[in-house]
Amino acid sequence: MPIDIKDEVAALNLGSQIRQLRNQRGLTLQDVSELTGLSKPHLSQIENDLVSPPLATLIKISTALGVKIGYFFQDSKPETRIVVDRKKDHKNRDKGSQKISDSGYNYDPLAYPMVNKFMEPFVIYMEDRKEKDLIYNNHRGEEFAFIIQGKAEIRCADQIVVLDEGDSVYFDSGLPHAYRGIDCTAQLLIIIYSPSQSPSKQDL
C-alpha cells in the first residue's frame, strides 16, 4: 500500500515544534526569515507540516531559535549522557527508498535523546537523481559522511567526488554542497558538527 508522504511529514511533528518554540522566543515569521534567509511562505509551509525541511534548513532554523537540531527529535524521557540506538527503533531503516523531502533524501536522527551535543549523527538515504535536480545547501559547522551502502556523489567547492561503500569525506559545511545517490538509493552515515556560539546573520 503506498505511503502518503504528507502523512509521513506530519508524523514527524516538526512544524508544530518549530512554531511553538518560535512563539516562546517571541519571534515572528519575519524575524526567523531574516535570521535564516528562508522566505516567510517557505517557513509557513514548514510550520504547517506541508513540507519536510532538509537538514541544512532545520539547522538554520534551530540556530535562529537558539537550540541544537537534536531538540526537534527528543522524546519525553529525561536527557541522558549515554545513548544506545537500536535498529528496530528507527522507522526508516527498513524503507530507505521512501522520499519525504523534495531535497531527495530521507533521514533518521541518531542519539537524539542527548539534546545538547556538539555532533549530530544521522543515517541518510540518498536518492538517485539527475544533476539538474540537485539542491545545494550550506550551514555553519563541519560535516562528515561515510558510505554504508551503495554509491554516492558529493559536489562541494567546485569539486565532484564519487564515494563507494567504505569511503568517507569531511568538509567545511559552510561551503555550498549537494549529495545524490548513484544508480540506487545510497545509505550514508552523516555527522554534523555545529559550533556552540550564537551566529550572526552573516553566518547564516
N, C-alpha and C. Protein backbone atom coordinates (compact mmCIF):
# COMPACT_ATOMS: atom_id res chain seq x y z
N MET A 1 0.85 -1.20 0.00
CA MET A 1 0.00 0.00 0.00
C MET A 1 0.88 1.25 0.00
N PRO A 2 0.66 2.17 -0.93
CA PRO A 2 1.51 3.37 -0.99
C PRO A 2 1.44 4.18 0.28
N ILE A 3 2.56 4.74 0.67
CA ILE A 3 2.62 5.56 1.87
C ILE A 3 2.41 7.01 1.49
N ASP A 4 1.52 7.70 2.17
CA ASP A 4 1.24 9.10 1.92
C ASP A 4 2.37 9.94 2.47
N ILE A 5 3.09 10.63 1.59
CA ILE A 5 4.25 11.41 2.00
C ILE A 5 3.85 12.49 2.99
N LYS A 6 2.70 13.14 2.78
CA LYS A 6 2.27 14.19 3.69
C LYS A 6 2.02 13.64 5.09
N ASP A 7 1.48 12.40 5.15
CA ASP A 7 1.27 11.79 6.46
C ASP A 7 2.59 11.53 7.15
N GLU A 8 3.60 11.10 6.38
CA GLU A 8 4.92 10.84 6.96
C GLU A 8 5.53 12.13 7.50
N VAL A 9 5.38 13.23 6.74
CA VAL A 9 5.91 14.51 7.18
C VAL A 9 5.21 14.97 8.44
N ALA A 10 3.87 14.87 8.46
CA ALA A 10 3.11 15.31 9.62
C ALA A 10 3.46 14.51 10.86
N ALA A 11 3.77 13.21 10.67
CA ALA A 11 4.09 12.35 11.81
C ALA A 11 5.35 12.81 12.52
N LEU A 12 6.24 13.48 11.81
CA LEU A 12 7.46 13.97 12.45
C LEU A 12 7.17 15.11 13.42
N ASN A 13 6.06 15.82 13.20
CA ASN A 13 5.63 16.88 14.12
C ASN A 13 6.65 18.01 14.24
N LEU A 14 7.46 18.19 13.23
CA LEU A 14 8.49 19.23 13.29
C LEU A 14 7.88 20.62 13.24
N GLY A 15 6.88 20.80 12.38
CA GLY A 15 6.29 22.12 12.19
C GLY A 15 5.73 22.73 13.45
N SER A 16 4.95 21.94 14.18
CA SER A 16 4.34 22.47 15.41
C SER A 16 5.39 22.76 16.47
N GLN A 17 6.45 21.94 16.49
CA GLN A 17 7.54 22.20 17.43
C GLN A 17 8.24 23.52 17.11
N ILE A 18 8.46 23.75 15.82
CA ILE A 18 9.12 24.98 15.40
C ILE A 18 8.25 26.19 15.73
N ARG A 19 6.95 26.09 15.43
CA ARG A 19 6.04 27.21 15.71
C ARG A 19 5.98 27.50 17.20
N GLN A 20 5.87 26.44 18.01
CA GLN A 20 5.78 26.62 19.46
C GLN A 20 7.03 27.29 20.01
N LEU A 21 8.20 26.83 19.55
CA LEU A 21 9.45 27.40 20.03
C LEU A 21 9.61 28.85 19.55
N ARG A 22 9.21 29.11 18.32
CA ARG A 22 9.28 30.48 17.79
C ARG A 22 8.41 31.42 18.63
N ASN A 23 7.21 30.96 18.97
CA ASN A 23 6.32 31.78 19.79
C ASN A 23 6.89 32.00 21.19
N GLN A 24 7.50 30.94 21.74
CA GLN A 24 8.12 31.08 23.06
C GLN A 24 9.25 32.10 23.04
N ARG A 25 9.93 32.18 21.92
CA ARG A 25 11.04 33.13 21.78
C ARG A 25 10.54 34.55 21.46
N GLY A 26 9.24 34.68 21.21
CA GLY A 26 8.69 35.99 20.87
C GLY A 26 9.10 36.47 19.50
N LEU A 27 9.31 35.52 18.57
CA LEU A 27 9.76 35.86 17.23
C LEU A 27 8.62 35.70 16.22
N THR A 28 8.58 36.57 15.23
CA THR A 28 7.63 36.46 14.14
C THR A 28 8.25 35.65 13.01
N LEU A 29 7.42 35.26 12.04
CA LEU A 29 7.96 34.58 10.87
C LEU A 29 8.96 35.47 10.15
N GLN A 30 8.69 36.77 10.14
CA GLN A 30 9.61 37.71 9.51
C GLN A 30 10.97 37.71 10.21
N ASP A 31 10.93 37.66 11.56
CA ASP A 31 12.18 37.62 12.33
C ASP A 31 13.01 36.38 11.95
N VAL A 32 12.35 35.23 11.91
CA VAL A 32 13.06 33.98 11.60
C VAL A 32 13.52 33.99 10.14
N SER A 33 12.73 34.59 9.27
CA SER A 33 13.11 34.71 7.88
C SER A 33 14.40 35.50 7.74
N GLU A 34 14.51 36.61 8.48
CA GLU A 34 15.71 37.44 8.41
C GLU A 34 16.92 36.73 9.01
N LEU A 35 16.71 35.92 10.03
CA LEU A 35 17.81 35.22 10.68
C LEU A 35 18.32 34.04 9.85
N THR A 36 17.43 33.43 9.10
CA THR A 36 17.79 32.21 8.36
C THR A 36 18.01 32.42 6.88
N GLY A 37 17.44 33.49 6.34
CA GLY A 37 17.49 33.68 4.90
C GLY A 37 16.43 32.89 4.16
N LEU A 38 15.53 32.24 4.91
CA LEU A 38 14.43 31.48 4.31
C LEU A 38 13.22 32.39 4.14
N SER A 39 12.43 32.17 3.11
CA SER A 39 11.27 33.02 2.86
C SER A 39 10.15 32.74 3.87
N LYS A 40 9.32 33.74 4.12
CA LYS A 40 8.18 33.57 5.02
C LYS A 40 7.22 32.48 4.53
N PRO A 41 6.87 32.44 3.23
CA PRO A 41 5.99 31.37 2.76
C PRO A 41 6.57 29.98 3.00
N HIS A 42 7.88 29.85 2.78
CA HIS A 42 8.50 28.54 3.00
C HIS A 42 8.47 28.17 4.48
N LEU A 43 8.75 29.12 5.35
CA LEU A 43 8.70 28.85 6.79
C LEU A 43 7.28 28.48 7.22
N SER A 44 6.30 29.16 6.64
CA SER A 44 4.91 28.86 6.97
C SER A 44 4.54 27.43 6.54
N GLN A 45 5.02 27.01 5.37
CA GLN A 45 4.78 25.65 4.91
C GLN A 45 5.39 24.63 5.86
N ILE A 46 6.59 24.93 6.34
CA ILE A 46 7.27 24.04 7.28
C ILE A 46 6.48 23.95 8.59
N GLU A 47 6.05 25.10 9.11
CA GLU A 47 5.32 25.12 10.38
C GLU A 47 3.97 24.41 10.28
N ASN A 48 3.41 24.37 9.09
CA ASN A 48 2.12 23.70 8.89
C ASN A 48 2.29 22.27 8.39
N ASP A 49 3.53 21.76 8.47
CA ASP A 49 3.83 20.37 8.09
C ASP A 49 3.43 20.05 6.65
N LEU A 50 3.51 21.06 5.78
CA LEU A 50 3.23 20.83 4.36
C LEU A 50 4.47 20.36 3.61
N VAL A 51 5.62 20.72 4.12
CA VAL A 51 6.89 20.25 3.55
C VAL A 51 7.79 19.82 4.70
N SER A 52 8.69 18.91 4.39
CA SER A 52 9.66 18.45 5.39
C SER A 52 10.98 19.17 5.17
N PRO A 53 11.49 19.90 6.15
CA PRO A 53 12.73 20.64 5.94
C PRO A 53 13.93 19.73 5.82
N PRO A 54 14.80 19.95 4.82
CA PRO A 54 16.05 19.19 4.77
C PRO A 54 16.93 19.58 5.96
N LEU A 55 17.95 18.79 6.20
CA LEU A 55 18.78 19.00 7.40
C LEU A 55 19.37 20.40 7.46
N ALA A 56 19.89 20.90 6.32
CA ALA A 56 20.52 22.22 6.34
C ALA A 56 19.52 23.30 6.74
N THR A 57 18.28 23.18 6.26
CA THR A 57 17.24 24.14 6.62
C THR A 57 16.90 24.03 8.10
N LEU A 58 16.79 22.80 8.60
CA LEU A 58 16.46 22.60 10.01
C LEU A 58 17.57 23.13 10.91
N ILE A 59 18.81 23.00 10.47
CA ILE A 59 19.94 23.53 11.25
C ILE A 59 19.84 25.05 11.33
N LYS A 60 19.52 25.70 10.22
CA LYS A 60 19.39 27.16 10.22
C LYS A 60 18.26 27.61 11.14
N ILE A 61 17.14 26.89 11.11
CA ILE A 61 16.00 27.24 11.96
C ILE A 61 16.35 27.03 13.43
N SER A 62 16.96 25.90 13.74
CA SER A 62 17.30 25.62 15.14
C SER A 62 18.31 26.64 15.67
N THR A 63 19.26 27.03 14.83
CA THR A 63 20.24 28.03 15.24
C THR A 63 19.56 29.37 15.51
N ALA A 64 18.64 29.76 14.63
CA ALA A 64 17.92 31.02 14.82
C ALA A 64 17.09 31.01 16.09
N LEU A 65 16.59 29.84 16.48
CA LEU A 65 15.75 29.72 17.66
C LEU A 65 16.55 29.39 18.92
N GLY A 66 17.87 29.28 18.77
CA GLY A 66 18.72 29.12 19.94
C GLY A 66 18.78 27.72 20.52
N VAL A 67 18.54 26.69 19.68
CA VAL A 67 18.61 25.31 20.16
C VAL A 67 19.45 24.49 19.18
N LYS A 68 19.88 23.33 19.64
CA LYS A 68 20.55 22.38 18.76
C LYS A 68 19.48 21.65 17.94
N ILE A 69 19.87 21.13 16.79
CA ILE A 69 18.91 20.44 15.93
C ILE A 69 18.29 19.23 16.63
N GLY A 70 19.04 18.62 17.57
CA GLY A 70 18.51 17.47 18.29
C GLY A 70 17.29 17.78 19.13
N TYR A 71 17.05 19.06 19.42
CA TYR A 71 15.88 19.47 20.19
C TYR A 71 14.58 18.97 19.54
N PHE A 72 14.55 18.97 18.21
CA PHE A 72 13.33 18.62 17.50
C PHE A 72 13.08 17.12 17.41
N PHE A 73 14.03 16.31 17.84
CA PHE A 73 13.87 14.86 17.77
C PHE A 73 13.79 14.21 19.16
N GLN A 74 13.83 15.03 20.21
CA GLN A 74 13.82 14.48 21.56
C GLN A 74 12.44 13.93 21.90
N ASP A 75 12.41 13.00 22.84
CA ASP A 75 11.14 12.50 23.33
C ASP A 75 10.96 13.00 24.75
N SER A 76 9.97 12.45 25.45
CA SER A 76 9.63 12.95 26.78
C SER A 76 10.53 12.39 27.89
N LYS A 77 11.43 11.49 27.54
CA LYS A 77 12.29 10.90 28.56
C LYS A 77 13.36 11.90 29.00
N PRO A 78 13.82 11.80 30.24
CA PRO A 78 14.90 12.70 30.70
C PRO A 78 16.14 12.53 29.84
N GLU A 79 16.87 13.63 29.66
CA GLU A 79 18.09 13.56 28.87
C GLU A 79 19.12 12.67 29.55
N THR A 80 19.85 11.91 28.76
CA THR A 80 20.86 11.02 29.29
C THR A 80 22.21 11.37 28.67
N ARG A 81 23.29 10.95 29.31
CA ARG A 81 24.62 11.21 28.78
C ARG A 81 25.18 10.02 28.01
N ILE A 82 24.45 8.93 28.01
CA ILE A 82 24.83 7.76 27.21
C ILE A 82 23.59 7.32 26.43
N VAL A 83 23.74 7.20 25.12
CA VAL A 83 22.59 6.86 24.28
C VAL A 83 22.93 5.64 23.43
N VAL A 84 22.06 4.65 23.46
CA VAL A 84 22.19 3.47 22.62
C VAL A 84 21.04 3.48 21.61
N ASP A 85 21.36 3.39 20.32
CA ASP A 85 20.35 3.33 19.27
C ASP A 85 20.18 1.89 18.80
N ARG A 86 18.92 1.45 18.73
CA ARG A 86 18.62 0.12 18.21
C ARG A 86 17.96 0.26 16.84
N LYS A 87 18.32 -0.62 15.93
CA LYS A 87 17.78 -0.57 14.58
C LYS A 87 16.26 -0.61 14.58
N LYS A 88 15.68 -1.40 15.46
CA LYS A 88 14.23 -1.57 15.47
C LYS A 88 13.49 -0.29 15.86
N ASP A 89 14.20 0.65 16.45
CA ASP A 89 13.55 1.88 16.91
C ASP A 89 13.48 2.96 15.84
N HIS A 90 14.03 2.69 14.66
CA HIS A 90 14.05 3.70 13.61
C HIS A 90 13.14 3.29 12.47
N LYS A 91 12.12 4.10 12.23
CA LYS A 91 11.07 3.72 11.29
C LYS A 91 11.53 3.69 9.84
N ASN A 92 12.62 4.37 9.52
CA ASN A 92 13.05 4.44 8.13
C ASN A 92 14.10 3.40 7.76
N ARG A 93 14.63 2.67 8.74
CA ARG A 93 15.75 1.78 8.47
C ARG A 93 15.42 0.72 7.42
N ASP A 94 14.18 0.24 7.42
CA ASP A 94 13.83 -0.83 6.50
C ASP A 94 13.10 -0.33 5.27
N LYS A 95 13.02 0.97 5.08
CA LYS A 95 12.33 1.52 3.93
C LYS A 95 13.06 2.77 3.45
N GLY A 96 14.36 2.60 3.27
CA GLY A 96 15.19 3.74 2.93
C GLY A 96 14.89 4.37 1.59
N SER A 97 14.15 3.69 0.72
CA SER A 97 13.86 4.28 -0.58
C SER A 97 12.72 5.29 -0.52
N GLN A 98 12.04 5.41 0.61
CA GLN A 98 10.97 6.37 0.73
C GLN A 98 11.49 7.78 0.58
N LYS A 99 10.72 8.64 -0.02
CA LYS A 99 11.09 10.04 -0.18
C LYS A 99 10.10 10.89 0.60
N ILE A 100 10.57 11.62 1.60
CA ILE A 100 9.69 12.51 2.34
C ILE A 100 10.13 13.95 2.20
N SER A 101 11.17 14.19 1.42
CA SER A 101 11.68 15.54 1.26
C SER A 101 11.98 15.80 -0.21
N ASP A 102 11.65 17.01 -0.67
CA ASP A 102 11.95 17.39 -2.04
C ASP A 102 13.46 17.49 -2.28
N SER A 103 14.23 17.47 -1.21
CA SER A 103 15.68 17.54 -1.37
C SER A 103 16.26 16.21 -1.84
N GLY A 104 15.42 15.16 -1.88
CA GLY A 104 15.89 13.89 -2.44
C GLY A 104 16.46 12.93 -1.44
N TYR A 105 16.20 13.14 -0.16
CA TYR A 105 16.70 12.17 0.82
C TYR A 105 15.78 12.08 2.02
N ASN A 106 15.95 10.99 2.72
CA ASN A 106 15.20 10.71 3.94
C ASN A 106 16.23 10.55 5.05
N TYR A 107 15.89 10.88 6.28
CA TYR A 107 16.90 10.77 7.32
C TYR A 107 16.34 10.27 8.64
N ASP A 108 17.19 9.54 9.35
CA ASP A 108 16.91 9.07 10.70
C ASP A 108 17.90 9.73 11.65
N PRO A 109 17.43 10.51 12.63
CA PRO A 109 18.36 11.08 13.61
C PRO A 109 18.84 10.00 14.57
N LEU A 110 20.10 10.04 14.94
CA LEU A 110 20.67 9.12 15.91
C LEU A 110 21.00 9.88 17.20
N ALA A 111 20.99 9.18 18.30
CA ALA A 111 21.37 9.75 19.60
C ALA A 111 20.55 10.98 19.96
N TYR A 112 19.30 11.05 19.47
CA TYR A 112 18.50 12.26 19.70
C TYR A 112 18.12 12.51 21.16
N PRO A 113 18.08 11.49 22.05
CA PRO A 113 17.79 11.84 23.45
C PRO A 113 18.84 12.73 24.10
N MET A 114 20.06 12.72 23.55
CA MET A 114 21.10 13.61 24.07
C MET A 114 21.00 14.92 23.29
N VAL A 115 20.33 15.90 23.86
CA VAL A 115 19.96 17.10 23.12
C VAL A 115 21.11 18.07 22.94
N ASN A 116 21.79 18.41 24.03
CA ASN A 116 22.82 19.45 23.98
C ASN A 116 24.19 18.87 23.63
N LYS A 117 24.29 18.37 22.41
CA LYS A 117 25.55 17.77 21.96
C LYS A 117 26.12 18.61 20.82
N PHE A 118 27.42 18.45 20.58
CA PHE A 118 28.08 19.22 19.54
C PHE A 118 28.04 18.53 18.18
N MET A 119 27.88 17.21 18.19
CA MET A 119 27.79 16.45 16.95
C MET A 119 26.37 15.93 16.77
N GLU A 120 25.88 15.97 15.54
CA GLU A 120 24.54 15.48 15.22
C GLU A 120 24.67 14.37 14.18
N PRO A 121 24.51 13.10 14.60
CA PRO A 121 24.64 11.99 13.65
C PRO A 121 23.28 11.61 13.04
N PHE A 122 23.31 11.26 11.76
CA PHE A 122 22.12 10.83 11.04
C PHE A 122 22.46 9.67 10.11
N VAL A 123 21.50 8.79 9.91
CA VAL A 123 21.58 7.84 8.80
C VAL A 123 20.73 8.45 7.69
N ILE A 124 21.34 8.62 6.52
CA ILE A 124 20.69 9.28 5.41
C ILE A 124 20.47 8.29 4.27
N TYR A 125 19.30 8.37 3.65
CA TYR A 125 19.00 7.57 2.47
C TYR A 125 18.93 8.54 1.29
N MET A 126 19.96 8.52 0.46
CA MET A 126 20.12 9.50 -0.60
C MET A 126 19.67 8.92 -1.93
N GLU A 127 18.66 9.53 -2.52
CA GLU A 127 18.11 9.04 -3.76
C GLU A 127 19.00 9.33 -4.96
N ASP A 128 18.86 8.48 -5.97
CA ASP A 128 19.50 8.73 -7.25
C ASP A 128 18.69 9.82 -7.94
N ARG A 129 19.34 10.92 -8.31
CA ARG A 129 18.63 11.98 -9.02
C ARG A 129 19.53 12.62 -10.05
N LYS A 130 18.90 13.32 -11.00
CA LYS A 130 19.65 13.95 -12.08
C LYS A 130 20.41 15.17 -11.57
N GLU A 131 21.47 15.50 -12.28
CA GLU A 131 22.30 16.64 -11.90
C GLU A 131 21.48 17.93 -11.80
N LYS A 132 20.55 18.13 -12.71
CA LYS A 132 19.76 19.35 -12.73
C LYS A 132 18.81 19.46 -11.53
N ASP A 133 18.58 18.33 -10.86
CA ASP A 133 17.65 18.33 -9.73
C ASP A 133 18.36 18.47 -8.38
N LEU A 134 19.69 18.57 -8.40
CA LEU A 134 20.43 18.70 -7.15
C LEU A 134 20.10 20.01 -6.45
N ILE A 135 19.98 19.96 -5.14
CA ILE A 135 19.72 21.14 -4.33
C ILE A 135 20.91 21.37 -3.41
N TYR A 136 21.52 22.52 -3.53
CA TYR A 136 22.70 22.85 -2.73
C TYR A 136 22.28 23.51 -1.42
N ASN A 137 22.95 23.11 -0.34
CA ASN A 137 22.71 23.68 0.98
C ASN A 137 24.04 24.04 1.62
N ASN A 138 23.97 24.90 2.60
CA ASN A 138 25.15 25.18 3.42
C ASN A 138 24.69 25.59 4.81
N HIS A 139 25.52 25.36 5.79
CA HIS A 139 25.21 25.69 7.18
C HIS A 139 26.52 25.78 7.95
N ARG A 140 26.48 26.44 9.09
CA ARG A 140 27.69 26.60 9.88
C ARG A 140 28.15 25.25 10.42
N GLY A 141 29.46 25.06 10.48
CA GLY A 141 29.99 23.85 11.08
C GLY A 141 30.81 23.02 10.11
N GLU A 142 30.92 21.75 10.42
CA GLU A 142 31.67 20.81 9.61
C GLU A 142 30.83 19.55 9.44
N GLU A 143 31.14 18.78 8.40
CA GLU A 143 30.31 17.61 8.09
C GLU A 143 31.19 16.43 7.69
N PHE A 144 30.81 15.25 8.16
CA PHE A 144 31.49 14.00 7.83
C PHE A 144 30.46 13.05 7.25
N ALA A 145 30.80 12.40 6.15
CA ALA A 145 29.90 11.43 5.54
C ALA A 145 30.65 10.13 5.26
N PHE A 146 30.04 9.00 5.63
CA PHE A 146 30.61 7.67 5.41
C PHE A 146 29.57 6.84 4.66
N ILE A 147 29.98 6.21 3.59
CA ILE A 147 29.04 5.42 2.78
C ILE A 147 28.87 4.03 3.37
N ILE A 148 27.67 3.76 3.85
CA ILE A 148 27.36 2.45 4.42
C ILE A 148 27.02 1.46 3.33
N GLN A 149 26.21 1.91 2.36
CA GLN A 149 25.76 1.01 1.30
C GLN A 149 25.52 1.81 0.02
N GLY A 150 25.89 1.23 -1.10
CA GLY A 150 25.66 1.88 -2.38
C GLY A 150 26.80 2.81 -2.77
N LYS A 151 26.49 3.73 -3.65
CA LYS A 151 27.46 4.70 -4.16
C LYS A 151 26.80 6.08 -4.16
N ALA A 152 27.56 7.09 -3.77
CA ALA A 152 27.02 8.44 -3.70
C ALA A 152 28.00 9.44 -4.29
N GLU A 153 27.46 10.57 -4.68
CA GLU A 153 28.28 11.65 -5.21
C GLU A 153 28.05 12.89 -4.37
N ILE A 154 29.13 13.59 -4.05
CA ILE A 154 29.02 14.87 -3.36
C ILE A 154 29.68 15.94 -4.22
N ARG A 155 29.01 17.07 -4.30
CA ARG A 155 29.55 18.23 -5.01
C ARG A 155 29.75 19.33 -4.00
N CYS A 156 30.98 19.81 -3.91
CA CYS A 156 31.33 20.79 -2.88
C CYS A 156 32.55 21.57 -3.33
N ALA A 157 32.48 22.89 -3.23
CA ALA A 157 33.62 23.76 -3.56
C ALA A 157 34.18 23.45 -4.94
N ASP A 158 33.29 23.35 -5.92
CA ASP A 158 33.67 23.10 -7.32
C ASP A 158 34.32 21.73 -7.53
N GLN A 159 34.20 20.86 -6.56
CA GLN A 159 34.73 19.50 -6.70
C GLN A 159 33.57 18.51 -6.79
N ILE A 160 33.75 17.48 -7.59
CA ILE A 160 32.80 16.38 -7.70
C ILE A 160 33.50 15.12 -7.23
N VAL A 161 33.00 14.52 -6.16
CA VAL A 161 33.65 13.34 -5.58
C VAL A 161 32.65 12.19 -5.55
N VAL A 162 33.03 11.06 -6.11
CA VAL A 162 32.20 9.85 -6.08
C VAL A 162 32.73 8.94 -4.98
N LEU A 163 31.83 8.51 -4.12
CA LEU A 163 32.20 7.69 -2.97
C LEU A 163 31.55 6.31 -3.06
N ASP A 164 32.36 5.26 -2.88
CA ASP A 164 31.85 3.89 -2.84
C ASP A 164 31.70 3.45 -1.38
N GLU A 165 31.14 2.27 -1.20
CA GLU A 165 30.97 1.73 0.15
C GLU A 165 32.29 1.73 0.89
N GLY A 166 32.31 2.25 2.11
CA GLY A 166 33.52 2.30 2.91
C GLY A 166 34.30 3.58 2.75
N ASP A 167 33.96 4.41 1.72
CA ASP A 167 34.63 5.69 1.53
C ASP A 167 34.00 6.74 2.44
N SER A 168 34.74 7.82 2.67
CA SER A 168 34.22 8.90 3.51
C SER A 168 34.75 10.24 3.03
N VAL A 169 34.12 11.31 3.51
CA VAL A 169 34.54 12.67 3.17
C VAL A 169 34.26 13.56 4.37
N TYR A 170 35.13 14.55 4.57
CA TYR A 170 34.98 15.50 5.66
C TYR A 170 35.19 16.89 5.07
N PHE A 171 34.31 17.85 5.37
CA PHE A 171 34.43 19.16 4.74
C PHE A 171 33.78 20.25 5.59
N ASP A 172 34.11 21.48 5.24
CA ASP A 172 33.53 22.66 5.86
C ASP A 172 32.11 22.81 5.30
N SER A 173 31.09 22.63 6.15
CA SER A 173 29.71 22.64 5.65
C SER A 173 29.19 24.05 5.38
N GLY A 174 30.04 25.06 5.62
CA GLY A 174 29.67 26.40 5.21
C GLY A 174 29.76 26.56 3.71
N LEU A 175 30.43 25.63 3.04
CA LEU A 175 30.51 25.62 1.58
C LEU A 175 29.23 25.03 1.00
N PRO A 176 28.68 25.62 -0.04
CA PRO A 176 27.51 25.01 -0.69
C PRO A 176 27.83 23.59 -1.13
N HIS A 177 26.94 22.66 -0.79
CA HIS A 177 27.21 21.26 -1.13
C HIS A 177 25.91 20.54 -1.44
N ALA A 178 26.03 19.47 -2.21
CA ALA A 178 24.87 18.66 -2.57
C ALA A 178 25.30 17.21 -2.70
N TYR A 179 24.39 16.30 -2.33
CA TYR A 179 24.62 14.86 -2.45
C TYR A 179 23.60 14.27 -3.42
N ARG A 180 23.97 13.11 -3.94
CA ARG A 180 22.98 12.29 -4.65
C ARG A 180 23.47 10.85 -4.66
N GLY A 181 22.51 9.90 -4.66
CA GLY A 181 22.86 8.51 -4.84
C GLY A 181 23.22 8.27 -6.29
N ILE A 182 24.02 7.25 -6.55
CA ILE A 182 24.40 6.88 -7.91
C ILE A 182 23.83 5.51 -8.23
N ASP A 183 22.93 5.45 -9.19
CA ASP A 183 22.31 4.20 -9.69
C ASP A 183 21.35 3.55 -8.69
N CYS A 184 21.27 4.06 -7.49
CA CYS A 184 20.37 3.48 -6.49
C CYS A 184 20.29 4.44 -5.31
N THR A 185 19.47 4.09 -4.33
CA THR A 185 19.42 4.88 -3.10
C THR A 185 20.62 4.48 -2.23
N ALA A 186 21.47 5.44 -1.94
CA ALA A 186 22.66 5.17 -1.13
C ALA A 186 22.36 5.42 0.34
N GLN A 187 22.98 4.63 1.20
CA GLN A 187 22.82 4.78 2.64
C GLN A 187 24.11 5.35 3.21
N LEU A 188 24.00 6.48 3.92
CA LEU A 188 25.17 7.15 4.46
C LEU A 188 25.01 7.41 5.94
N LEU A 189 26.15 7.42 6.63
CA LEU A 189 26.21 7.95 7.98
C LEU A 189 26.76 9.37 7.85
N ILE A 190 25.99 10.35 8.27
CA ILE A 190 26.44 11.73 8.23
C ILE A 190 26.48 12.29 9.64
N ILE A 191 27.60 12.90 9.99
CA ILE A 191 27.76 13.52 11.30
C ILE A 191 28.03 15.00 11.07
N ILE A 192 27.20 15.84 11.66
CA ILE A 192 27.33 17.29 11.52
C ILE A 192 27.82 17.87 12.84
N TYR A 193 28.90 18.62 12.76
CA TYR A 193 29.41 19.32 13.94
C TYR A 193 28.93 20.77 13.87
N SER A 194 28.27 21.21 14.93
CA SER A 194 27.76 22.57 14.98
C SER A 194 28.44 23.35 16.09
N PRO A 195 29.01 24.52 15.79
CA PRO A 195 29.63 25.35 16.83
C PRO A 195 28.59 25.75 17.87
N SER A 196 29.04 25.99 19.08
CA SER A 196 28.12 26.30 20.17
C SER A 196 27.74 27.76 20.23
N GLN A 197 28.59 28.65 19.67
CA GLN A 197 28.31 30.07 19.79
C GLN A 197 27.15 30.48 18.90
N SER A 198 26.45 31.55 19.30
CA SER A 198 25.33 32.06 18.52
C SER A 198 25.86 32.72 17.27
N PRO A 199 25.22 32.46 16.12
CA PRO A 199 25.69 33.03 14.85
C PRO A 199 25.17 34.43 14.62
N SER A 200 25.82 35.14 13.73
CA SER A 200 25.30 36.41 13.26
C SER A 200 24.52 36.13 11.98
N LYS A 201 23.80 37.13 11.47
CA LYS A 201 23.06 36.93 10.24
C LYS A 201 23.99 36.63 9.09
N GLN A 202 25.21 37.17 9.12
CA GLN A 202 26.14 36.91 8.04
C GLN A 202 26.55 35.44 8.01
N ASP A 203 26.61 34.81 9.20
CA ASP A 203 27.00 33.40 9.25
C ASP A 203 25.95 32.51 8.59
N LEU A 204 24.69 32.93 8.66
CA LEU A 204 23.62 32.11 8.15
C LEU A 204 23.42 32.30 6.64
